[in-house]
Amino acid sequence: MRPTRTRKAYEALPGGGTLIVYGALIDDERRHNAYGLMLSLNMLIDTEGGSEYTVAEVTPWLRDAGFAKVKARPLTGGRTAAHATK
């Protein structure tokens, strides 16, 4: 999610609402999520500068949009859910 879209999501939510960013987010060290790293490599091959995002990259976008609480949880299958609460 890019910063403009996160702002639009923030504005659309009621107070206390939660946005969940679900995907193959890469761990911040870029070492452990093989699935996310392979997707990132594929994006790099197909697009110039393409990559999956890390939790550290997504968190400032959510905070800049106005979300107060941001937490991320790794899920099964190389997926991660980042929760951002208004």
N, C-alpha and C. Protein backbone atom coordinates (compact mmCIF):
# COMPACT_ATOMS: atom_id res chain seq x y z
N MET A 1 0.83 -1.18 0.00
CA MET A 1 0.00 0.00 0.00
C MET A 1 0.87 1.24 0.00
N ARG A 2 0.64 2.08 -0.92
CA ARG A 2 1.41 3.33 -0.99
C ARG A 2 0.81 4.36 -0.04
N PRO A 3 1.61 5.40 0.30
CA PRO A 3 1.15 6.41 1.27
C PRO A 3 -0.19 7.06 0.93
N THR A 4 -0.46 7.37 -0.34
CA THR A 4 -1.73 8.00 -0.71
C THR A 4 -2.90 7.08 -0.41
N ARG A 5 -2.72 5.80 -0.70
CA ARG A 5 -3.80 4.83 -0.45
C ARG A 5 -4.01 4.61 1.04
N THR A 6 -2.94 4.63 1.80
CA THR A 6 -3.11 4.44 3.25
C THR A 6 -3.87 5.62 3.84
N ARG A 7 -3.64 6.80 3.33
CA ARG A 7 -4.36 7.98 3.81
C ARG A 7 -5.84 7.87 3.48
N LYS A 8 -6.15 7.41 2.28
CA LYS A 8 -7.55 7.24 1.88
C LYS A 8 -8.23 6.18 2.75
N ALA A 9 -7.52 5.11 3.05
CA ALA A 9 -8.08 4.07 3.92
C ALA A 9 -8.32 4.63 5.32
N TYR A 10 -7.37 5.41 5.82
CA TYR A 10 -7.52 6.03 7.14
C TYR A 10 -8.77 6.91 7.19
N GLU A 11 -8.94 7.74 6.17
CA GLU A 11 -10.07 8.66 6.14
C GLU A 11 -11.40 7.92 6.02
N ALA A 12 -11.41 6.75 5.40
CA ALA A 12 -12.65 5.99 5.21
C ALA A 12 -13.08 5.23 6.46
N LEU A 13 -12.16 5.01 7.39
CA LEU A 13 -12.46 4.24 8.59
C LEU A 13 -13.07 5.11 9.69
N PRO A 14 -13.99 4.53 10.47
CA PRO A 14 -14.50 5.27 11.63
C PRO A 14 -13.45 5.25 12.74
N GLY A 15 -13.60 6.10 13.74
CA GLY A 15 -12.68 6.09 14.88
C GLY A 15 -12.60 4.70 15.50
N GLY A 16 -11.40 4.24 15.78
CA GLY A 16 -11.19 2.91 16.33
C GLY A 16 -11.16 1.82 15.29
N GLY A 17 -11.39 2.19 14.02
CA GLY A 17 -11.37 1.21 12.93
C GLY A 17 -9.98 0.66 12.69
N THR A 18 -9.91 -0.51 12.09
CA THR A 18 -8.63 -1.17 11.85
C THR A 18 -8.46 -1.49 10.37
N LEU A 19 -7.28 -1.22 9.86
CA LEU A 19 -6.88 -1.60 8.51
C LEU A 19 -5.93 -2.78 8.65
N ILE A 20 -6.16 -3.82 7.87
CA ILE A 20 -5.25 -4.97 7.88
C ILE A 20 -4.56 -5.04 6.53
N VAL A 21 -3.24 -4.96 6.57
CA VAL A 21 -2.43 -5.12 5.36
C VAL A 21 -1.92 -6.56 5.39
N TYR A 22 -2.39 -7.36 4.44
CA TYR A 22 -2.09 -8.79 4.40
C TYR A 22 -1.29 -9.08 3.14
N GLY A 23 -0.19 -9.77 3.30
CA GLY A 23 0.59 -10.12 2.13
C GLY A 23 1.89 -10.81 2.49
N ALA A 24 2.74 -10.93 1.52
CA ALA A 24 4.03 -11.59 1.71
C ALA A 24 5.08 -10.57 2.12
N LEU A 25 4.81 -9.84 3.19
CA LEU A 25 5.76 -8.86 3.68
C LEU A 25 7.06 -9.56 4.06
N ILE A 26 8.16 -8.94 3.75
CA ILE A 26 9.47 -9.52 4.03
C ILE A 26 9.92 -9.08 5.42
N ASP A 27 10.60 -9.99 6.11
CA ASP A 27 11.14 -9.61 7.42
C ASP A 27 12.16 -8.48 7.21
N ASP A 28 12.32 -7.65 8.23
CA ASP A 28 13.15 -6.45 8.10
C ASP A 28 14.61 -6.76 7.75
N GLU A 29 15.10 -7.92 8.14
CA GLU A 29 16.49 -8.29 7.83
C GLU A 29 16.62 -8.91 6.43
N ARG A 30 15.49 -9.17 5.79
CA ARG A 30 15.45 -9.80 4.47
C ARG A 30 16.21 -11.12 4.44
N ARG A 31 15.91 -11.99 5.44
CA ARG A 31 16.63 -13.26 5.55
C ARG A 31 15.75 -14.47 5.78
N HIS A 32 14.53 -14.29 6.28
CA HIS A 32 13.80 -15.46 6.79
C HIS A 32 12.55 -15.86 6.02
N ASN A 33 11.91 -14.98 5.34
CA ASN A 33 10.67 -15.31 4.64
C ASN A 33 10.98 -15.69 3.20
N ALA A 34 11.29 -16.97 2.98
CA ALA A 34 11.68 -17.43 1.65
C ALA A 34 10.60 -17.13 0.61
N TYR A 35 9.35 -17.32 0.98
CA TYR A 35 8.25 -17.06 0.05
C TYR A 35 8.23 -15.59 -0.37
N GLY A 36 8.29 -14.70 0.60
CA GLY A 36 8.30 -13.27 0.29
C GLY A 36 9.52 -12.85 -0.50
N LEU A 37 10.66 -13.44 -0.19
CA LEU A 37 11.89 -13.12 -0.92
C LEU A 37 11.81 -13.59 -2.37
N MET A 38 11.21 -14.76 -2.60
CA MET A 38 11.05 -15.24 -3.98
C MET A 38 10.08 -14.35 -4.75
N LEU A 39 9.01 -13.91 -4.12
CA LEU A 39 8.09 -12.98 -4.78
C LEU A 39 8.80 -11.66 -5.09
N SER A 40 9.63 -11.22 -4.17
CA SER A 40 10.37 -9.98 -4.38
C SER A 40 11.33 -10.12 -5.57
N LEU A 41 12.01 -11.25 -5.65
CA LEU A 41 12.91 -11.50 -6.77
C LEU A 41 12.14 -11.52 -8.08
N ASN A 42 10.99 -12.16 -8.08
CA ASN A 42 10.16 -12.20 -9.28
C ASN A 42 9.74 -10.80 -9.71
N MET A 43 9.35 -9.97 -8.76
CA MET A 43 8.96 -8.59 -9.08
C MET A 43 10.14 -7.81 -9.63
N LEU A 44 11.32 -8.06 -9.10
CA LEU A 44 12.52 -7.37 -9.57
C LEU A 44 12.84 -7.76 -11.01
N ILE A 45 12.58 -9.01 -11.36
CA ILE A 45 12.81 -9.47 -12.73
C ILE A 45 11.79 -8.85 -13.68
N ASP A 46 10.54 -8.75 -13.24
CA ASP A 46 9.46 -8.27 -14.10
C ASP A 46 9.32 -6.75 -14.16
N THR A 47 9.77 -6.05 -13.13
CA THR A 47 9.63 -4.59 -13.09
C THR A 47 10.94 -3.95 -12.64
N GLU A 48 11.15 -2.73 -13.04
CA GLU A 48 12.36 -2.03 -12.62
C GLU A 48 12.22 -1.58 -11.17
N GLY A 49 13.07 -2.10 -10.31
CA GLY A 49 13.06 -1.73 -8.91
C GLY A 49 11.94 -2.35 -8.09
N GLY A 50 11.22 -3.31 -8.65
CA GLY A 50 10.10 -3.94 -7.95
C GLY A 50 10.55 -4.76 -6.76
N SER A 51 9.73 -4.81 -5.73
CA SER A 51 10.06 -5.57 -4.53
C SER A 51 8.83 -5.70 -3.67
N GLU A 52 8.79 -6.76 -2.87
CA GLU A 52 7.80 -6.83 -1.80
C GLU A 52 8.28 -5.86 -0.72
N TYR A 53 7.40 -5.46 0.16
CA TYR A 53 7.76 -4.51 1.20
C TYR A 53 8.09 -5.21 2.50
N THR A 54 8.91 -4.57 3.31
CA THR A 54 9.18 -5.05 4.66
C THR A 54 8.20 -4.38 5.62
N VAL A 55 8.08 -4.94 6.80
CA VAL A 55 7.23 -4.33 7.83
C VAL A 55 7.76 -2.93 8.16
N ALA A 56 9.07 -2.77 8.18
CA ALA A 56 9.68 -1.47 8.49
C ALA A 56 9.36 -0.43 7.42
N GLU A 57 9.12 -0.86 6.18
CA GLU A 57 8.75 0.09 5.13
C GLU A 57 7.27 0.47 5.21
N VAL A 58 6.42 -0.48 5.57
CA VAL A 58 4.99 -0.24 5.62
C VAL A 58 4.58 0.58 6.84
N THR A 59 5.25 0.36 7.97
CA THR A 59 4.88 1.02 9.22
C THR A 59 4.88 2.55 9.13
N PRO A 60 5.91 3.20 8.58
CA PRO A 60 5.86 4.68 8.49
C PRO A 60 4.73 5.18 7.60
N TRP A 61 4.39 4.44 6.55
CA TRP A 61 3.27 4.86 5.69
C TRP A 61 1.99 4.89 6.50
N LEU A 62 1.80 3.86 7.32
CA LEU A 62 0.59 3.79 8.13
C LEU A 62 0.58 4.88 9.20
N ARG A 63 1.70 5.11 9.84
CA ARG A 63 1.77 6.16 10.87
C ARG A 63 1.60 7.55 10.25
N ASP A 64 2.21 7.78 9.09
CA ASP A 64 2.07 9.07 8.42
C ASP A 64 0.63 9.34 8.00
N ALA A 65 -0.11 8.28 7.71
CA ALA A 65 -1.52 8.43 7.34
C ALA A 65 -2.37 8.80 8.55
N GLY A 66 -1.84 8.54 9.77
CA GLY A 66 -2.57 8.90 10.98
C GLY A 66 -2.87 7.75 11.91
N PHE A 67 -2.57 6.53 11.51
CA PHE A 67 -2.85 5.38 12.37
C PHE A 67 -1.98 5.45 13.62
N ALA A 68 -2.62 5.21 14.76
CA ALA A 68 -1.93 5.33 16.05
C ALA A 68 -1.19 4.05 16.43
N LYS A 69 -1.83 2.92 16.24
CA LYS A 69 -1.23 1.65 16.63
C LYS A 69 -0.96 0.82 15.38
N VAL A 70 0.27 0.34 15.25
CA VAL A 70 0.63 -0.53 14.14
C VAL A 70 1.36 -1.74 14.71
N LYS A 71 0.85 -2.92 14.41
CA LYS A 71 1.48 -4.17 14.84
C LYS A 71 1.49 -5.11 13.65
N ALA A 72 2.49 -5.97 13.58
CA ALA A 72 2.56 -6.97 12.53
C ALA A 72 2.72 -8.35 13.13
N ARG A 73 2.08 -9.32 12.50
CA ARG A 73 2.17 -10.71 12.95
C ARG A 73 2.48 -11.60 11.76
N PRO A 74 3.50 -12.43 11.89
CA PRO A 74 3.73 -13.41 10.82
C PRO A 74 2.64 -14.48 10.87
N LEU A 75 2.19 -14.90 9.70
CA LEU A 75 1.19 -15.94 9.59
C LEU A 75 1.82 -17.16 8.91
N THR A 76 1.06 -18.19 8.70
CA THR A 76 1.59 -19.36 8.02
C THR A 76 1.75 -19.09 6.53
N GLY A 77 2.60 -19.87 5.90
CA GLY A 77 2.75 -19.78 4.45
C GLY A 77 3.48 -18.55 3.96
N GLY A 78 4.30 -17.94 4.81
CA GLY A 78 5.07 -16.78 4.36
C GLY A 78 4.29 -15.49 4.28
N ARG A 79 3.11 -15.46 4.84
CA ARG A 79 2.29 -14.25 4.84
C ARG A 79 2.42 -13.51 6.16
N THR A 80 2.11 -12.22 6.12
CA THR A 80 2.14 -11.39 7.33
C THR A 80 0.89 -10.52 7.32
N ALA A 81 0.36 -10.24 8.51
CA ALA A 81 -0.76 -9.31 8.65
C ALA A 81 -0.29 -8.15 9.51
N ALA A 82 -0.34 -6.96 8.96
CA ALA A 82 -0.04 -5.74 9.71
C ALA A 82 -1.37 -5.10 10.06
N HIS A 83 -1.60 -4.85 11.36
CA HIS A 83 -2.84 -4.24 11.84
C HIS A 83 -2.56 -2.77 12.18
N ALA A 84 -3.34 -1.88 11.63
CA ALA A 84 -3.19 -0.46 11.92
C ALA A 84 -4.54 0.06 12.42
N THR A 85 -4.55 0.62 13.62
CA THR A 85 -5.80 1.09 14.25
C THR A 85 -5.85 2.60 14.27
N LYS A 86 -7.00 3.12 13.89
CA LYS A 86 -7.22 4.57 13.84
C LYS A 86 -7.48 5.10 15.24
